[in-house]
Amino acid sequence: MKKWEWYFLVILSSIVLIITFITKNIYVALGTFIVVMYLKKYHNNFKKSDDVN
């Protein structure tokens, strides 16, 4: 997964989660949860390094 794809999906999931709170739709919440679990798998590839020179 490319970096821009990961960031795009994180932003999209955040927007969908906000919409879920407004509409109170459980199916959208479950779909968002599945996407977030998929993104968590790739989280370590995109961590910022704490090494400042």
PDB file of N, CA and C in Angstrom:
ATOM      1  N   MET A   1       0.856  -1.177   0.000  1.00  0.00           N
ATOM      2  CA  MET A   1       0.000   0.000   0.000  1.00  0.00           C
ATOM      3  C   MET A   1       0.895   1.231   0.000  1.00  0.00           C
ATOM      4  N   LYS A   2       0.558   2.160  -0.854  1.00  0.00           N
ATOM      5  CA  LYS A   2       1.338   3.386  -0.945  1.00  0.00           C
ATOM      6  C   LYS A   2       0.936   4.348   0.161  1.00  0.00           C
ATOM      7  N   LYS A   3       1.838   5.258   0.450  1.00  0.00           N
ATOM      8  CA  LYS A   3       1.610   6.204   1.546  1.00  0.00           C
ATOM      9  C   LYS A   3       0.374   7.066   1.303  1.00  0.00           C
ATOM     10  N   TRP A   4       0.191   7.557   0.088  1.00  0.00           N
ATOM     11  CA  TRP A   4      -0.953   8.421  -0.198  1.00  0.00           C
ATOM     12  C   TRP A   4      -2.260   7.643  -0.084  1.00  0.00           C
ATOM     13  N   GLU A   5      -2.244   6.356  -0.448  1.00  0.00           N
ATOM     14  CA  GLU A   5      -3.452   5.536  -0.303  1.00  0.00           C
ATOM     15  C   GLU A   5      -3.833   5.391   1.164  1.00  0.00           C
ATOM     16  N   TRP A   6      -2.822   5.167   2.000  1.00  0.00           N
ATOM     17  CA  TRP A   6      -3.076   4.988   3.427  1.00  0.00           C
ATOM     18  C   TRP A   6      -3.645   6.267   4.032  1.00  0.00           C
ATOM     19  N   TYR A   7      -3.043   7.402   3.731  1.00  0.00           N
ATOM     20  CA  TYR A   7      -3.546   8.677   4.262  1.00  0.00           C
ATOM     21  C   TYR A   7      -4.952   8.979   3.751  1.00  0.00           C
ATOM     22  N   PHE A   8      -5.211   8.703   2.472  1.00  0.00           N
ATOM     23  CA  PHE A   8      -6.541   8.921   1.909  1.00  0.00           C
ATOM     24  C   PHE A   8      -7.584   8.084   2.638  1.00  0.00           C
ATOM     25  N   LEU A   9      -7.273   6.820   2.884  1.00  0.00           N
ATOM     26  CA  LEU A   9      -8.229   5.947   3.567  1.00  0.00           C
ATOM     27  C   LEU A   9      -8.435   6.348   5.021  1.00  0.00           C
ATOM     28  N   VAL A  10      -7.403   6.851   5.675  1.00  0.00           N
ATOM     29  CA  VAL A  10      -7.554   7.328   7.053  1.00  0.00           C
ATOM     30  C   VAL A  10      -8.493   8.532   7.095  1.00  0.00           C
ATOM     31  N   ILE A  11      -8.304   9.469   6.184  1.00  0.00           N
ATOM     32  CA  ILE A  11      -9.177  10.650   6.133  1.00  0.00           C
ATOM     33  C   ILE A  11     -10.602  10.243   5.782  1.00  0.00           C
ATOM     34  N   LEU A  12     -10.752   9.353   4.812  1.00  0.00           N
ATOM     35  CA  LEU A  12     -12.077   8.883   4.420  1.00  0.00           C
ATOM     36  C   LEU A  12     -12.779   8.169   5.573  1.00  0.00           C
ATOM     37  N   SER A  13     -12.048   7.345   6.303  1.00  0.00           N
ATOM     38  CA  SER A  13     -12.640   6.647   7.452  1.00  0.00           C
ATOM     39  C   SER A  13     -13.070   7.626   8.533  1.00  0.00           C
ATOM     40  N   SER A  14     -12.292   8.664   8.745  1.00  0.00           N
ATOM     41  CA  SER A  14     -12.658   9.672   9.744  1.00  0.00           C
ATOM     42  C   SER A  14     -13.945  10.389   9.355  1.00  0.00           C
ATOM     43  N   ILE A  15     -14.065  10.740   8.078  1.00  0.00           N
ATOM     44  CA  ILE A  15     -15.277  11.413   7.603  1.00  0.00           C
ATOM     45  C   ILE A  15     -16.488  10.494   7.729  1.00  0.00           C
ATOM     46  N   VAL A  16     -16.326   9.237   7.337  1.00  0.00           N
ATOM     47  CA  VAL A  16     -17.432   8.282   7.423  1.00  0.00           C
ATOM     48  C   VAL A  16     -17.839   8.060   8.875  1.00  0.00           C
ATOM     49  N   LEU A  17     -16.873   8.037   9.778  1.00  0.00           N
ATOM     50  CA  LEU A  17     -17.196   7.860  11.196  1.00  0.00           C
ATOM     51  C   LEU A  17     -18.004   9.035  11.728  1.00  0.00           C
ATOM     52  N   ILE A  18     -17.666  10.243  11.324  1.00  0.00           N
ATOM     53  CA  ILE A  18     -18.435  11.424  11.738  1.00  0.00           C
ATOM     54  C   ILE A  18     -19.858  11.344  11.187  1.00  0.00           C
ATOM     55  N   ILE A  19     -19.992  10.940   9.928  1.00  0.00           N
ATOM     56  CA  ILE A  19     -21.327  10.783   9.334  1.00  0.00           C
ATOM     57  C   ILE A  19     -22.117   9.711  10.083  1.00  0.00           C
ATOM     58  N   THR A  20     -21.436   8.653  10.507  1.00  0.00           N
ATOM     59  CA  THR A  20     -22.103   7.588  11.256  1.00  0.00           C
ATOM     60  C   THR A  20     -22.682   8.108  12.560  1.00  0.00           C
ATOM     61  N   PHE A  21     -21.949   8.961  13.259  1.00  0.00           N
ATOM     62  CA  PHE A  21     -22.467   9.522  14.509  1.00  0.00           C
ATOM     63  C   PHE A  21     -23.698  10.390  14.257  1.00  0.00           C
ATOM     64  N   ILE A  22     -23.725  11.083  13.135  1.00  0.00           N
ATOM     65  CA  ILE A  22     -24.859  11.953  12.819  1.00  0.00           C
ATOM     66  C   ILE A  22     -26.092  11.129  12.438  1.00  0.00           C
ATOM     67  N   THR A  23     -25.897  10.102  11.591  1.00  0.00           N
ATOM     68  CA  THR A  23     -27.034   9.327  11.086  1.00  0.00           C
ATOM     69  C   THR A  23     -27.405   8.142  11.967  1.00  0.00           C
ATOM     70  N   LYS A  24     -26.527   7.769  12.882  1.00  0.00           N
ATOM     71  CA  LYS A  24     -26.736   6.621  13.780  1.00  0.00           C
ATOM     72  C   LYS A  24     -26.997   5.333  13.001  1.00  0.00           C
ATOM     73  N   ASN A  25     -26.198   5.100  11.971  1.00  0.00           N
ATOM     74  CA  ASN A  25     -26.337   3.916  11.124  1.00  0.00           C
ATOM     75  C   ASN A  25     -25.292   2.879  11.544  1.00  0.00           C
ATOM     76  N   ILE A  26     -25.734   1.749  12.092  1.00  0.00           N
ATOM     77  CA  ILE A  26     -24.823   0.734  12.617  1.00  0.00           C
ATOM     78  C   ILE A  26     -24.037   0.038  11.501  1.00  0.00           C
ATOM     79  N   TYR A  27     -24.627  -0.111  10.321  1.00  0.00           N
ATOM     80  CA  TYR A  27     -23.931  -0.791   9.226  1.00  0.00           C
ATOM     81  C   TYR A  27     -22.745   0.021   8.715  1.00  0.00           C
ATOM     82  N   VAL A  28     -22.893   1.310   8.672  1.00  0.00           N
ATOM     83  CA  VAL A  28     -21.779   2.178   8.268  1.00  0.00           C
ATOM     84  C   VAL A  28     -20.680   2.121   9.326  1.00  0.00           C
ATOM     85  N   ALA A  29     -21.061   2.063  10.588  1.00  0.00           N
ATOM     86  CA  ALA A  29     -20.075   1.960  11.665  1.00  0.00           C
ATOM     87  C   ALA A  29     -19.290   0.656  11.552  1.00  0.00           C
ATOM     88  N   LEU A  30     -19.968  -0.433  11.250  1.00  0.00           N
ATOM     89  CA  LEU A  30     -19.274  -1.715  11.084  1.00  0.00           C
ATOM     90  C   LEU A  30     -18.333  -1.682   9.878  1.00  0.00           C
ATOM     91  N   GLY A  31     -18.760  -1.072   8.794  1.00  0.00           N
ATOM     92  CA  GLY A  31     -17.901  -0.943   7.619  1.00  0.00           C
ATOM     93  C   GLY A  31     -16.664  -0.116   7.909  1.00  0.00           C
ATOM     94  N   THR A  32     -16.850   0.961   8.645  1.00  0.00           N
ATOM     95  CA  THR A  32     -15.717   1.807   9.024  1.00  0.00           C
ATOM     96  C   THR A  32     -14.752   1.049   9.924  1.00  0.00           C
ATOM     97  N   PHE A  33     -15.286   0.260  10.839  1.00  0.00           N
ATOM     98  CA  PHE A  33     -14.445  -0.535  11.734  1.00  0.00           C
ATOM     99  C   PHE A  33     -13.595  -1.528  10.940  1.00  0.00           C
ATOM    100  N   ILE A  34     -14.178  -2.149   9.937  1.00  0.00           N
ATOM    101  CA  ILE A  34     -13.436  -3.100   9.106  1.00  0.00           C
ATOM    102  C   ILE A  34     -12.312  -2.392   8.352  1.00  0.00           C
ATOM    103  N   VAL A  35     -12.587  -1.210   7.818  1.00  0.00           N
ATOM    104  CA  VAL A  35     -11.552  -0.446   7.105  1.00  0.00           C
ATOM    105  C   VAL A  35     -10.434  -0.039   8.058  1.00  0.00           C
ATOM    106  N   VAL A  36     -10.790   0.372   9.266  1.00  0.00           N
ATOM    107  CA  VAL A  36      -9.780   0.778  10.249  1.00  0.00           C
ATOM    108  C   VAL A  36      -8.896  -0.405  10.635  1.00  0.00           C
ATOM    109  N   MET A  37      -9.465  -1.582  10.788  1.00  0.00           N
ATOM    110  CA  MET A  37      -8.663  -2.766  11.109  1.00  0.00           C
ATOM    111  C   MET A  37      -7.713  -3.100   9.953  1.00  0.00           C
ATOM    112  N   TYR A  38      -8.163  -2.885   8.726  1.00  0.00           N
ATOM    113  CA  TYR A  38      -7.306  -3.094   7.562  1.00  0.00           C
ATOM    114  C   TYR A  38      -6.150  -2.091   7.565  1.00  0.00           C
ATOM    115  N   LEU A  39      -6.438  -0.834   7.890  1.00  0.00           N
ATOM    116  CA  LEU A  39      -5.406   0.201   7.916  1.00  0.00           C
ATOM    117  C   LEU A  39      -4.412  -0.024   9.046  1.00  0.00           C
ATOM    118  N   LYS A  40      -4.877  -0.575  10.151  1.00  0.00           N
ATOM    119  CA  LYS A  40      -3.991  -0.820  11.287  1.00  0.00           C
ATOM    120  C   LYS A  40      -2.887  -1.807  10.905  1.00  0.00           C
ATOM    121  N   LYS A  41      -3.192  -2.700   9.982  1.00  0.00           N
ATOM    122  CA  LYS A  41      -2.214  -3.678   9.522  1.00  0.00           C
ATOM    123  C   LYS A  41      -0.996  -2.988   8.898  1.00  0.00           C
ATOM    124  N   TYR A  42      -1.210  -1.842   8.262  1.00  0.00           N
ATOM    125  CA  TYR A  42      -0.133  -1.122   7.586  1.00  0.00           C
ATOM    126  C   TYR A  42       0.404   0.060   8.399  1.00  0.00           C
ATOM    127  N   HIS A  43      -0.033   0.219   9.631  1.00  0.00           N
ATOM    128  CA  HIS A  43       0.322   1.389  10.435  1.00  0.00           C
ATOM    129  C   HIS A  43       1.825   1.529  10.641  1.00  0.00           C
ATOM    130  N   ASN A  44       2.521   0.433  10.875  1.00  0.00           N
ATOM    131  CA  ASN A  44       3.955   0.495  11.161  1.00  0.00           C
ATOM    132  C   ASN A  44       4.773   0.998   9.978  1.00  0.00           C
ATOM    133  N   ASN A  45       4.260   0.847   8.764  1.00  0.00           N
ATOM    134  CA  ASN A  45       4.997   1.308   7.586  1.00  0.00           C
ATOM    135  C   ASN A  45       5.031   2.825   7.473  1.00  0.00           C
ATOM    136  N   PHE A  46       4.109   3.523   8.144  1.00  0.00           N
ATOM    137  CA  PHE A  46       3.972   4.959   7.957  1.00  0.00           C
ATOM    138  C   PHE A  46       4.215   5.765   9.226  1.00  0.00           C
ATOM    139  N   LYS A  47       4.815   5.146  10.232  1.00  0.00           N
ATOM    140  CA  LYS A  47       5.130   5.887  11.453  1.00  0.00           C
ATOM    141  C   LYS A  47       6.226   6.903  11.171  1.00  0.00           C
ATOM    142  N   LYS A  48       6.123   8.044  11.828  1.00  0.00           N
ATOM    143  CA  LYS A  48       7.181   9.045  11.715  1.00  0.00           C
ATOM    144  C   LYS A  48       8.346   8.611  12.594  1.00  0.00           C
ATOM    145  N   SER A  49       9.538   8.822  12.096  1.00  0.00           N
ATOM    146  CA  SER A  49      10.696   8.459  12.901  1.00  0.00           C
ATOM    147  C   SER A  49      10.961   9.546  13.937  1.00  0.00           C
ATOM    148  N   ASP A  50      11.367   9.129  15.110  1.00  0.00           N
ATOM    149  CA  ASP A  50      11.674  10.067  16.188  1.00  0.00           C
ATOM    150  C   ASP A  50      13.122  10.533  16.130  1.00  0.00           C
ATOM    151  N   ASP A  51      13.838  10.081  15.131  1.00  0.00           N
ATOM    152  CA  ASP A  51      15.248  10.402  14.992  1.00  0.00           C
ATOM    153  C   ASP A  51      15.404  11.777  14.341  1.00  0.00           C
ATOM    154  N   VAL A  52      15.709  12.789  15.147  1.00  0.00           N
ATOM    155  CA  VAL A  52      15.882  14.144  14.639  1.00  0.00           C
ATOM    156  C   VAL A  52      17.370  14.474  14.654  1.00  0.00           C
ATOM    157  N   ASN A  53      17.905  14.882  13.501  1.00  0.00           N
ATOM    158  CA  ASN A  53      19.340  15.202  13.432  1.00  0.00           C
ATOM    159  C   ASN A  53      19.528  16.667  13.257  1.00  0.00           C
TER     160      ASN A  53
END
